[in-house]
Amino acid sequence: MRIFALFNLKPGVDEAAYTEWAKTVDLPTANGLPSIDSFRLFKTTGLLGSDAKPPYSHIEVLDIADMDQFGRDVATEAMQAVAAAFQGMVDVTFITTDEIVA
């Protein structure tokens, strides 16, 4: 399963501070979980063919190897702390997906 987290930083959250936290805490912690094959963070840069601003400033892409294990992984005290910090900095929408054609 692939999960997309589409989000904007909350008002008052410093972009540089968020990025440093993501690089030093969020990404290494999540990528160390047994259930995650890959966890990546992207900054949006635009809408193709438009000068309009994207509706989200950041996108996380999580490739989950095992959803049951993922549930156990995110229930740990360490991941609960990471999740709480993340929720404090962003307004997020999580989208779960199944690939139709590989």
PDB file of N, CA and C in Angstrom:
ATOM      1  N   MET A   1       0.844  -1.174   0.000  1.00  0.00           N
ATOM      2  CA  MET A   1       0.000   0.000   0.000  1.00  0.00           C
ATOM      3  C   MET A   1       0.886   1.232   0.000  1.00  0.00           C
ATOM      4  N   ARG A   2       0.410   2.264  -0.677  1.00  0.00           N
ATOM      5  CA  ARG A   2       1.104   3.554  -0.673  1.00  0.00           C
ATOM      6  C   ARG A   2       0.178   4.576  -0.027  1.00  0.00           C
ATOM      7  N   ILE A   3       0.742   5.365   0.878  1.00  0.00           N
ATOM      8  CA  ILE A   3       0.008   6.433   1.540  1.00  0.00           C
ATOM      9  C   ILE A   3       0.629   7.761   1.121  1.00  0.00           C
ATOM     10  N   PHE A   4      -0.240   8.694   0.743  1.00  0.00           N
ATOM     11  CA  PHE A   4       0.193  10.058   0.447  1.00  0.00           C
ATOM     12  C   PHE A   4      -0.312  10.953   1.563  1.00  0.00           C
ATOM     13  N   ALA A   5       0.589  11.734   2.136  1.00  0.00           N
ATOM     14  CA  ALA A   5       0.218  12.732   3.134  1.00  0.00           C
ATOM     15  C   ALA A   5       0.382  14.092   2.471  1.00  0.00           C
ATOM     16  N   LEU A   6      -0.722  14.775   2.241  1.00  0.00           N
ATOM     17  CA  LEU A   6      -0.731  16.090   1.608  1.00  0.00           C
ATOM     18  C   LEU A   6      -0.924  17.116   2.709  1.00  0.00           C
ATOM     19  N   PHE A   7      -0.028  18.110   2.796  1.00  0.00           N
ATOM     20  CA  PHE A   7      -0.154  19.024   3.926  1.00  0.00           C
ATOM     21  C   PHE A   7       0.445  20.392   3.673  1.00  0.00           C
ATOM     22  N   ASN A   8       0.005  21.305   4.527  1.00  0.00           N
ATOM     23  CA  ASN A   8       0.552  22.658   4.625  1.00  0.00           C
ATOM     24  C   ASN A   8       1.029  22.857   6.055  1.00  0.00           C
ATOM     25  N   LEU A   9       2.067  23.648   6.195  1.00  0.00           N
ATOM     26  CA  LEU A   9       2.521  24.001   7.533  1.00  0.00           C
ATOM     27  C   LEU A   9       1.480  24.903   8.185  1.00  0.00           C
ATOM     28  N   LYS A  10       1.298  24.729   9.480  1.00  0.00           N
ATOM     29  CA  LYS A  10       0.372  25.588  10.215  1.00  0.00           C
ATOM     30  C   LYS A  10       0.940  27.003  10.292  1.00  0.00           C
ATOM     31  N   PRO A  11       0.064  27.996  10.415  1.00  0.00           N
ATOM     32  CA  PRO A  11       0.539  29.377  10.557  1.00  0.00           C
ATOM     33  C   PRO A  11       1.544  29.485  11.715  1.00  0.00           C
ATOM     34  N   GLY A  12       2.624  30.174  11.442  1.00  0.00           N
ATOM     35  CA  GLY A  12       3.648  30.389  12.461  1.00  0.00           C
ATOM     36  C   GLY A  12       4.736  29.329  12.499  1.00  0.00           C
ATOM     37  N   VAL A  13       4.556  28.224  11.771  1.00  0.00           N
ATOM     38  CA  VAL A  13       5.590  27.184  11.743  1.00  0.00           C
ATOM     39  C   VAL A  13       6.671  27.599  10.748  1.00  0.00           C
ATOM     40  N   ASP A  14       7.891  27.641  11.214  1.00  0.00           N
ATOM     41  CA  ASP A  14       9.024  28.044  10.392  1.00  0.00           C
ATOM     42  C   ASP A  14       9.405  26.918   9.426  1.00  0.00           C
ATOM     43  N   GLU A  15       9.471  27.232   8.143  1.00  0.00           N
ATOM     44  CA  GLU A  15       9.795  26.245   7.099  1.00  0.00           C
ATOM     45  C   GLU A  15      11.140  25.574   7.360  1.00  0.00           C
ATOM     46  N   ALA A  16      12.157  26.353   7.685  1.00  0.00           N
ATOM     47  CA  ALA A  16      13.493  25.793   7.917  1.00  0.00           C
ATOM     48  C   ALA A  16      13.504  24.874   9.134  1.00  0.00           C
ATOM     49  N   ALA A  17      12.809  25.257  10.191  1.00  0.00           N
ATOM     50  CA  ALA A  17      12.743  24.417  11.394  1.00  0.00           C
ATOM     51  C   ALA A  17      12.007  23.113  11.097  1.00  0.00           C
ATOM     52  N   TYR A  18      10.905  23.203  10.340  1.00  0.00           N
ATOM     53  CA  TYR A  18      10.179  21.988   9.977  1.00  0.00           C
ATOM     54  C   TYR A  18      11.072  21.062   9.148  1.00  0.00           C
ATOM     55  N   THR A  19      11.750  21.625   8.148  1.00  0.00           N
ATOM     56  CA  THR A  19      12.597  20.817   7.267  1.00  0.00           C
ATOM     57  C   THR A  19      13.702  20.129   8.060  1.00  0.00           C
ATOM     58  N   GLU A  20      14.321  20.855   8.980  1.00  0.00           N
ATOM     59  CA  GLU A  20      15.376  20.260   9.814  1.00  0.00           C
ATOM     60  C   GLU A  20      14.811  19.129  10.664  1.00  0.00           C
ATOM     61  N   TRP A  21      13.638  19.323  11.257  1.00  0.00           N
ATOM     62  CA  TRP A  21      12.995  18.270  12.051  1.00  0.00           C
ATOM     63  C   TRP A  21      12.682  17.059  11.175  1.00  0.00           C
ATOM     64  N   ALA A  22      12.168  17.294   9.985  1.00  0.00           N
ATOM     65  CA  ALA A  22      11.838  16.188   9.075  1.00  0.00           C
ATOM     66  C   ALA A  22      13.086  15.383   8.724  1.00  0.00           C
ATOM     67  N   LYS A  23      14.190  16.085   8.434  1.00  0.00           N
ATOM     68  CA  LYS A  23      15.434  15.411   8.051  1.00  0.00           C
ATOM     69  C   LYS A  23      16.074  14.643   9.199  1.00  0.00           C
ATOM     70  N   THR A  24      15.973  15.179  10.416  1.00  0.00           N
ATOM     71  CA  THR A  24      16.703  14.593  11.544  1.00  0.00           C
ATOM     72  C   THR A  24      15.861  13.684  12.434  1.00  0.00           C
ATOM     73  N   VAL A  25      14.530  13.840  12.382  1.00  0.00           N
ATOM     74  CA  VAL A  25      13.660  13.047  13.258  1.00  0.00           C
ATOM     75  C   VAL A  25      12.663  12.215  12.466  1.00  0.00           C
ATOM     76  N   ASP A  26      11.812  12.878  11.712  1.00  0.00           N
ATOM     77  CA  ASP A  26      10.699  12.196  11.056  1.00  0.00           C
ATOM     78  C   ASP A  26      11.158  11.137  10.051  1.00  0.00           C
ATOM     79  N   LEU A  27      11.932  11.536   9.063  1.00  0.00           N
ATOM     80  CA  LEU A  27      12.356  10.595   8.022  1.00  0.00           C
ATOM     81  C   LEU A  27      13.187   9.436   8.578  1.00  0.00           C
ATOM     82  N   PRO A  28      14.216   9.688   9.401  1.00  0.00           N
ATOM     83  CA  PRO A  28      14.992   8.555   9.905  1.00  0.00           C
ATOM     84  C   PRO A  28      14.173   7.609  10.790  1.00  0.00           C
ATOM     85  N   THR A  29      13.274   8.177  11.602  1.00  0.00           N
ATOM     86  CA  THR A  29      12.465   7.332  12.487  1.00  0.00           C
ATOM     87  C   THR A  29      11.524   6.458  11.665  1.00  0.00           C
ATOM     88  N   ALA A  30      10.789   7.070  10.755  1.00  0.00           N
ATOM     89  CA  ALA A  30       9.825   6.314   9.951  1.00  0.00           C
ATOM     90  C   ALA A  30      10.523   5.312   9.038  1.00  0.00           C
ATOM     91  N   ASN A  31      11.614   5.705   8.436  1.00  0.00           N
ATOM     92  CA  ASN A  31      12.328   4.780   7.550  1.00  0.00           C
ATOM     93  C   ASN A  31      12.953   3.615   8.313  1.00  0.00           C
ATOM     94  N   GLY A  32      13.066   3.727   9.628  1.00  0.00           N
ATOM     95  CA  GLY A  32      13.590   2.644  10.440  1.00  0.00           C
ATOM     96  C   GLY A  32      12.534   1.638  10.879  1.00  0.00           C
ATOM     97  N   LEU A  33      11.272   1.908  10.573  1.00  0.00           N
ATOM     98  CA  LEU A  33      10.205   0.996  10.972  1.00  0.00           C
ATOM     99  C   LEU A  33      10.186  -0.235  10.077  1.00  0.00           C
ATOM    100  N   PRO A  34       9.955  -1.409  10.662  1.00  0.00           N
ATOM    101  CA  PRO A  34       9.921  -2.643   9.858  1.00  0.00           C
ATOM    102  C   PRO A  34       8.842  -2.634   8.779  1.00  0.00           C
ATOM    103  N   SER A  35       7.760  -1.910   9.003  1.00  0.00           N
ATOM    104  CA  SER A  35       6.631  -1.932   8.079  1.00  0.00           C
ATOM    105  C   SER A  35       6.796  -1.024   6.868  1.00  0.00           C
ATOM    106  N   ILE A  36       7.792  -0.152   6.903  1.00  0.00           N
ATOM    107  CA  ILE A  36       7.929   0.843   5.835  1.00  0.00           C
ATOM    108  C   ILE A  36       9.079   0.481   4.900  1.00  0.00           C
ATOM    109  N   ASP A  37       8.736   0.358   3.610  1.00  0.00           N
ATOM    110  CA  ASP A  37       9.753   0.128   2.589  1.00  0.00           C
ATOM    111  C   ASP A  37      10.440   1.431   2.209  1.00  0.00           C
ATOM    112  N   SER A  38       9.674   2.516   2.176  1.00  0.00           N
ATOM    113  CA  SER A  38      10.223   3.805   1.773  1.00  0.00           C
ATOM    114  C   SER A  38       9.344   4.922   2.316  1.00  0.00           C
ATOM    115  N   PHE A  39       9.985   5.977   2.782  1.00  0.00           N
ATOM    116  CA  PHE A  39       9.281   7.156   3.275  1.00  0.00           C
ATOM    117  C   PHE A  39      10.032   8.372   2.753  1.00  0.00           C
ATOM    118  N   ARG A  40       9.366   9.177   1.906  1.00  0.00           N
ATOM    119  CA  ARG A  40      10.012  10.318   1.275  1.00  0.00           C
ATOM    120  C   ARG A  40       9.174  11.567   1.464  1.00  0.00           C
ATOM    121  N   LEU A  41       9.846  12.707   1.470  1.00  0.00           N
ATOM    122  CA  LEU A  41       9.198  14.007   1.644  1.00  0.00           C
ATOM    123  C   LEU A  41       9.502  14.884   0.441  1.00  0.00           C
ATOM    124  N   PHE A  42       8.464  15.550  -0.067  1.00  0.00           N
ATOM    125  CA  PHE A  42       8.604  16.442  -1.213  1.00  0.00           C
ATOM    126  C   PHE A  42       8.029  17.808  -0.869  1.00  0.00           C
ATOM    127  N   LYS A  43       8.632  18.859  -1.418  1.00  0.00           N
ATOM    128  CA  LYS A  43       8.103  20.218  -1.366  1.00  0.00           C
ATOM    129  C   LYS A  43       7.498  20.488  -2.729  1.00  0.00           C
ATOM    130  N   THR A  44       6.251  20.922  -2.761  1.00  0.00           N
ATOM    131  CA  THR A  44       5.626  21.199  -4.045  1.00  0.00           C
ATOM    132  C   THR A  44       6.221  22.462  -4.652  1.00  0.00           C
ATOM    133  N   THR A  45       6.236  22.496  -5.982  1.00  0.00           N
ATOM    134  CA  THR A  45       6.843  23.631  -6.675  1.00  0.00           C
ATOM    135  C   THR A  45       5.881  24.338  -7.627  1.00  0.00           C
ATOM    136  N   GLY A  46       4.748  23.758  -7.894  1.00  0.00           N
ATOM    137  CA  GLY A  46       3.804  24.396  -8.799  1.00  0.00           C
ATOM    138  C   GLY A  46       2.761  23.416  -9.297  1.00  0.00           C
ATOM    139  N   LEU A  47       1.869  23.938 -10.146  1.00  0.00           N
ATOM    140  CA  LEU A  47       0.868  23.135 -10.827  1.00  0.00           C
ATOM    141  C   LEU A  47       1.219  23.142 -12.306  1.00  0.00           C
ATOM    142  N   LEU A  48       1.402  21.986 -12.876  1.00  0.00           N
ATOM    143  CA  LEU A  48       1.796  21.876 -14.270  1.00  0.00           C
ATOM    144  C   LEU A  48       0.821  22.634 -15.167  1.00  0.00           C
ATOM    145  N   GLY A  49       1.361  23.520 -15.981  1.00  0.00           N
ATOM    146  CA  GLY A  49       0.549  24.269 -16.920  1.00  0.00           C
ATOM    147  C   GLY A  49      -0.228  25.417 -16.315  1.00  0.00           C
ATOM    148  N   SER A  50       0.134  25.815 -15.105  1.00  0.00           N
ATOM    149  CA  SER A  50      -0.615  26.876 -14.428  1.00  0.00           C
ATOM    150  C   SER A  50       0.326  27.728 -13.576  1.00  0.00           C
ATOM    151  N   ASP A  51      -0.055  28.966 -13.379  1.00  0.00           N
ATOM    152  CA  ASP A  51       0.676  29.830 -12.457  1.00  0.00           C
ATOM    153  C   ASP A  51       0.067  29.798 -11.056  1.00  0.00           C
ATOM    154  N   ALA A  52      -1.008  29.032 -10.892  1.00  0.00           N
ATOM    155  CA  ALA A  52      -1.686  28.947  -9.598  1.00  0.00           C
ATOM    156  C   ALA A  52      -0.796  28.244  -8.570  1.00  0.00           C
ATOM    157  N   LYS A  53      -1.003  28.596  -7.329  1.00  0.00           N
ATOM    158  CA  LYS A  53      -0.281  27.981  -6.223  1.00  0.00           C
ATOM    159  C   LYS A  53      -0.872  26.601  -5.939  1.00  0.00           C
ATOM    160  N   PRO A  54      -0.017  25.578  -5.703  1.00  0.00           N
ATOM    161  CA  PRO A  54      -0.544  24.258  -5.357  1.00  0.00           C
ATOM    162  C   PRO A  54      -1.355  24.327  -4.061  1.00  0.00           C
ATOM    163  N   PRO A  55      -2.371  23.475  -3.928  1.00  0.00           N
ATOM    164  CA  PRO A  55      -3.180  23.500  -2.709  1.00  0.00           C
ATOM    165  C   PRO A  55      -2.435  22.981  -1.478  1.00  0.00           C
ATOM    166  N   TYR A  56      -1.343  22.247  -1.692  1.00  0.00           N
ATOM    167  CA  TYR A  56      -0.543  21.720  -0.585  1.00  0.00           C
ATOM    168  C   TYR A  56       0.916  22.094  -0.814  1.00  0.00           C
ATOM    169  N   SER A  57       1.617  22.419   0.267  1.00  0.00           N
ATOM    170  CA  SER A  57       3.022  22.815   0.167  1.00  0.00           C
ATOM    171  C   SER A  57       3.983  21.635   0.235  1.00  0.00           C
ATOM    172  N   HIS A  58       3.529  20.522   0.802  1.00  0.00           N
ATOM    173  CA  HIS A  58       4.392  19.351   0.989  1.00  0.00           C
ATOM    174  C   HIS A  58       3.600  18.071   0.729  1.00  0.00           C
ATOM    175  N   ILE A  59       4.342  17.040   0.340  1.00  0.00           N
ATOM    176  CA  ILE A  59       3.752  15.715   0.148  1.00  0.00           C
ATOM    177  C   ILE A  59       4.726  14.687   0.706  1.00  0.00           C
ATOM    178  N   GLU A  60       4.219  13.811   1.550  1.00  0.00           N
ATOM    179  CA  GLU A  60       4.983  12.647   1.988  1.00  0.00           C
ATOM    180  C   GLU A  60       4.443  11.433   1.240  1.00  0.00           C
ATOM    181  N   VAL A  61       5.357  10.536   0.865  1.00  0.00           N
ATOM    182  CA  VAL A  61       4.977   9.298   0.197  1.00  0.00           C
ATOM    183  C   VAL A  61       5.523   8.147   1.037  1.00  0.00           C
ATOM    184  N   LEU A  62       4.605   7.326   1.541  1.00  0.00           N
ATOM    185  CA  LEU A  62       4.982   6.185   2.374  1.00  0.00           C
ATOM    186  C   LEU A  62       4.616   4.900   1.643  1.00  0.00           C
ATOM    187  N   ASP A  63       5.602   4.053   1.398  1.00  0.00           N
ATOM    188  CA  ASP A  63       5.357   2.733   0.838  1.00  0.00           C
ATOM    189  C   ASP A  63       5.358   1.740   1.991  1.00  0.00           C
ATOM    190  N   ILE A  64       4.182   1.171   2.233  1.00  0.00           N
ATOM    191  CA  ILE A  64       3.978   0.294   3.378  1.00  0.00           C
ATOM    192  C   ILE A  64       4.068  -1.160   2.937  1.00  0.00           C
ATOM    193  N   ALA A  65       4.941  -1.922   3.572  1.00  0.00           N
ATOM    194  CA  ALA A  65       5.116  -3.335   3.239  1.00  0.00           C
ATOM    195  C   ALA A  65       4.051  -4.201   3.896  1.00  0.00           C
ATOM    196  N   ASP A  66       3.642  -3.819   5.098  1.00  0.00           N
ATOM    197  CA  ASP A  66       2.721  -4.652   5.877  1.00  0.00           C
ATOM    198  C   ASP A  66       1.862  -3.735   6.751  1.00  0.00           C
ATOM    199  N   MET A  67       0.574  -3.614   6.400  1.00  0.00           N
ATOM    200  CA  MET A  67      -0.310  -2.698   7.125  1.00  0.00           C
ATOM    201  C   MET A  67      -0.544  -3.133   8.574  1.00  0.00           C
ATOM    202  N   ASP A  68      -0.600  -4.423   8.836  1.00  0.00           N
ATOM    203  CA  ASP A  68      -0.765  -4.875  10.221  1.00  0.00           C
ATOM    204  C   ASP A  68       0.441  -4.460  11.065  1.00  0.00           C
ATOM    205  N   GLN A  69       1.633  -4.665  10.518  1.00  0.00           N
ATOM    206  CA  GLN A  69       2.851  -4.253  11.227  1.00  0.00           C
ATOM    207  C   GLN A  69       2.903  -2.738  11.357  1.00  0.00           C
ATOM    208  N   PHE A  70       2.455  -2.032  10.320  1.00  0.00           N
ATOM    209  CA  PHE A  70       2.423  -0.567  10.358  1.00  0.00           C
ATOM    210  C   PHE A  70       1.570  -0.085  11.536  1.00  0.00           C
ATOM    211  N   GLY A  71       0.427  -0.715  11.739  1.00  0.00           N
ATOM    212  CA  GLY A  71      -0.428  -0.359  12.873  1.00  0.00           C
ATOM    213  C   GLY A  71       0.296  -0.535  14.197  1.00  0.00           C
ATOM    214  N   ARG A  72       1.049  -1.621  14.312  1.00  0.00           N
ATOM    215  CA  ARG A  72       1.817  -1.857  15.548  1.00  0.00           C
ATOM    216  C   ARG A  72       2.954  -0.834  15.669  1.00  0.00           C
ATOM    217  N   ASP A  73       3.599  -0.539  14.540  1.00  0.00           N
ATOM    218  CA  ASP A  73       4.723   0.403  14.556  1.00  0.00           C
ATOM    219  C   ASP A  73       4.285   1.802  14.989  1.00  0.00           C
ATOM    220  N   VAL A  74       3.178   2.283  14.447  1.00  0.00           N
ATOM    221  CA  VAL A  74       2.758   3.646  14.771  1.00  0.00           C
ATOM    222  C   VAL A  74       2.170   3.748  16.177  1.00  0.00           C
ATOM    223  N   ALA A  75       1.878   2.623  16.797  1.00  0.00           N
ATOM    224  CA  ALA A  75       1.350   2.628  18.159  1.00  0.00           C
ATOM    225  C   ALA A  75       2.453   2.727  19.216  1.00  0.00           C
ATOM    226  N   THR A  76       3.721   2.637  18.800  1.00  0.00           N
ATOM    227  CA  THR A  76       4.812   2.698  19.770  1.00  0.00           C
ATOM    228  C   THR A  76       4.929   4.110  20.345  1.00  0.00           C
ATOM    229  N   GLU A  77       5.500   4.189  21.518  1.00  0.00           N
ATOM    230  CA  GLU A  77       5.675   5.487  22.179  1.00  0.00           C
ATOM    231  C   GLU A  77       6.512   6.439  21.320  1.00  0.00           C
ATOM    232  N   ALA A  78       7.568   5.920  20.706  1.00  0.00           N
ATOM    233  CA  ALA A  78       8.437   6.762  19.872  1.00  0.00           C
ATOM    234  C   ALA A  78       7.668   7.335  18.685  1.00  0.00           C
ATOM    235  N   MET A  79       6.890   6.510  18.017  1.00  0.00           N
ATOM    236  CA  MET A  79       6.140   6.997  16.852  1.00  0.00           C
ATOM    237  C   MET A  79       4.991   7.896  17.269  1.00  0.00           C
ATOM    238  N   GLN A  80       4.414   7.661  18.422  1.00  0.00           N
ATOM    239  CA  GLN A  80       3.361   8.554  18.906  1.00  0.00           C
ATOM    240  C   GLN A  80       3.921   9.952  19.151  1.00  0.00           C
ATOM    241  N   ALA A  81       5.153  10.026  19.656  1.00  0.00           N
ATOM    242  CA  ALA A  81       5.796  11.328  19.871  1.00  0.00           C
ATOM    243  C   ALA A  81       6.083  12.023  18.544  1.00  0.00           C
ATOM    244  N   VAL A  82       6.562  11.270  17.556  1.00  0.00           N
ATOM    245  CA  VAL A  82       6.822  11.839  16.234  1.00  0.00           C
ATOM    246  C   VAL A  82       5.513  12.313  15.605  1.00  0.00           C
ATOM    247  N   ALA A  83       4.476  11.488  15.692  1.00  0.00           N
ATOM    248  CA  ALA A  83       3.180  11.848  15.117  1.00  0.00           C
ATOM    249  C   ALA A  83       2.604  13.096  15.782  1.00  0.00           C
ATOM    250  N   ALA A  84       2.748  13.197  17.088  1.00  0.00           N
ATOM    251  CA  ALA A  84       2.233  14.370  17.803  1.00  0.00           C
ATOM    252  C   ALA A  84       2.975  15.638  17.370  1.00  0.00           C
ATOM    253  N   ALA A  85       4.284  15.543  17.225  1.00  0.00           N
ATOM    254  CA  ALA A  85       5.064  16.693  16.770  1.00  0.00           C
ATOM    255  C   ALA A  85       4.641  17.092  15.352  1.00  0.00           C
ATOM    256  N   PHE A  86       4.462  16.092  14.478  1.00  0.00           N
ATOM    257  CA  PHE A  86       4.036  16.344  13.103  1.00  0.00           C
ATOM    258  C   PHE A  86       2.676  17.032  13.079  1.00  0.00           C
ATOM    259  N   GLN A  87       1.730  16.497  13.827  1.00  0.00           N
ATOM    260  CA  GLN A  87       0.377  17.068  13.878  1.00  0.00           C
ATOM    261  C   GLN A  87       0.393  18.496  14.429  1.00  0.00           C
ATOM    262  N   GLY A  88       1.352  18.797  15.286  1.00  0.00           N
ATOM    263  CA  GLY A  88       1.461  20.142  15.828  1.00  0.00           C
ATOM    264  C   GLY A  88       1.984  21.164  14.832  1.00  0.00           C
ATOM    265  N   MET A  89       2.632  20.680  13.777  1.00  0.00           N
ATOM    266  CA  MET A  89       3.236  21.578  12.797  1.00  0.00           C
ATOM    267  C   MET A  89       2.462  21.700  11.492  1.00  0.00           C
ATOM    268  N   VAL A  90       1.565  20.736  11.200  1.00  0.00           N
ATOM    269  CA  VAL A  90       0.941  20.696   9.876  1.00  0.00           C
ATOM    270  C   VAL A  90      -0.562  20.491   9.951  1.00  0.00           C
ATOM    271  N   ASP A  91      -1.224  20.873   8.858  1.00  0.00           N
ATOM    272  CA  ASP A  91      -2.612  20.495   8.596  1.00  0.00           C
ATOM    273  C   ASP A  91      -2.536  19.472   7.475  1.00  0.00           C
ATOM    274  N   VAL A  92      -2.912  18.221   7.767  1.00  0.00           N
ATOM    275  CA  VAL A  92      -2.613  17.114   6.856  1.00  0.00           C
ATOM    276  C   VAL A  92      -3.863  16.336   6.465  1.00  0.00           C
ATOM    277  N   THR A  93      -3.813  15.806   5.241  1.00  0.00           N
ATOM    278  CA  THR A  93      -4.791  14.847   4.744  1.00  0.00           C
ATOM    279  C   THR A  93      -4.017  13.611   4.314  1.00  0.00           C
ATOM    280  N   PHE A  94      -4.391  12.436   4.837  1.00  0.00           N
ATOM    281  CA  PHE A  94      -3.767  11.181   4.464  1.00  0.00           C
ATOM    282  C   PHE A  94      -4.645  10.459   3.450  1.00  0.00           C
ATOM    283  N   ILE A  95      -4.044  10.009   2.354  1.00  0.00           N
ATOM    284  CA  ILE A  95      -4.766   9.272   1.328  1.00  0.00           C
ATOM    285  C   ILE A  95      -4.107   7.898   1.175  1.00  0.00           C
ATOM    286  N   THR A  96      -4.889   6.842   1.361  1.00  0.00           N
ATOM    287  CA  THR A  96      -4.384   5.488   1.156  1.00  0.00           C
ATOM    288  C   THR A  96      -4.714   5.045  -0.263  1.00  0.00           C
ATOM    289  N   THR A  97      -3.827   4.235  -0.842  1.00  0.00           N
ATOM    290  CA  THR A  97      -4.023   3.800  -2.225  1.00  0.00           C
ATOM    291  C   THR A  97      -3.644   2.342  -2.400  1.00  0.00           C
ATOM    292  N   ASP A  98      -4.188   1.752  -3.446  1.00  0.00           N
ATOM    293  CA  ASP A  98      -3.765   0.456  -3.954  1.00  0.00           C
ATOM    294  C   ASP A  98      -3.404   0.667  -5.414  1.00  0.00           C
ATOM    295  N   GLU A  99      -2.282   0.124  -5.830  1.00  0.00           N
ATOM    296  CA  GLU A  99      -1.845   0.287  -7.216  1.00  0.00           C
ATOM    297  C   GLU A  99      -2.714  -0.578  -8.128  1.00  0.00           C
ATOM    298  N   ILE A 100      -3.171  -0.005  -9.211  1.00  0.00           N
ATOM    299  CA  ILE A 100      -4.034  -0.727 -10.152  1.00  0.00           C
ATOM    300  C   ILE A 100      -3.184  -1.534 -11.144  1.00  0.00           C
ATOM    301  N   VAL A 101      -2.187  -0.889 -11.719  1.00  0.00           N
ATOM    302  CA  VAL A 101      -1.319  -1.540 -12.698  1.00  0.00           C
ATOM    303  C   VAL A 101       0.114  -1.279 -12.291  1.00  0.00           C
ATOM    304  N   ALA A 102       0.882  -2.349 -12.170  1.00  0.00           N
ATOM    305  CA  ALA A 102       2.292  -2.197 -11.789  1.00  0.00           C
ATOM    306  C   ALA A 102       3.169  -2.154 -13.023  1.00  0.00           C
TER     307      ALA A 102
END
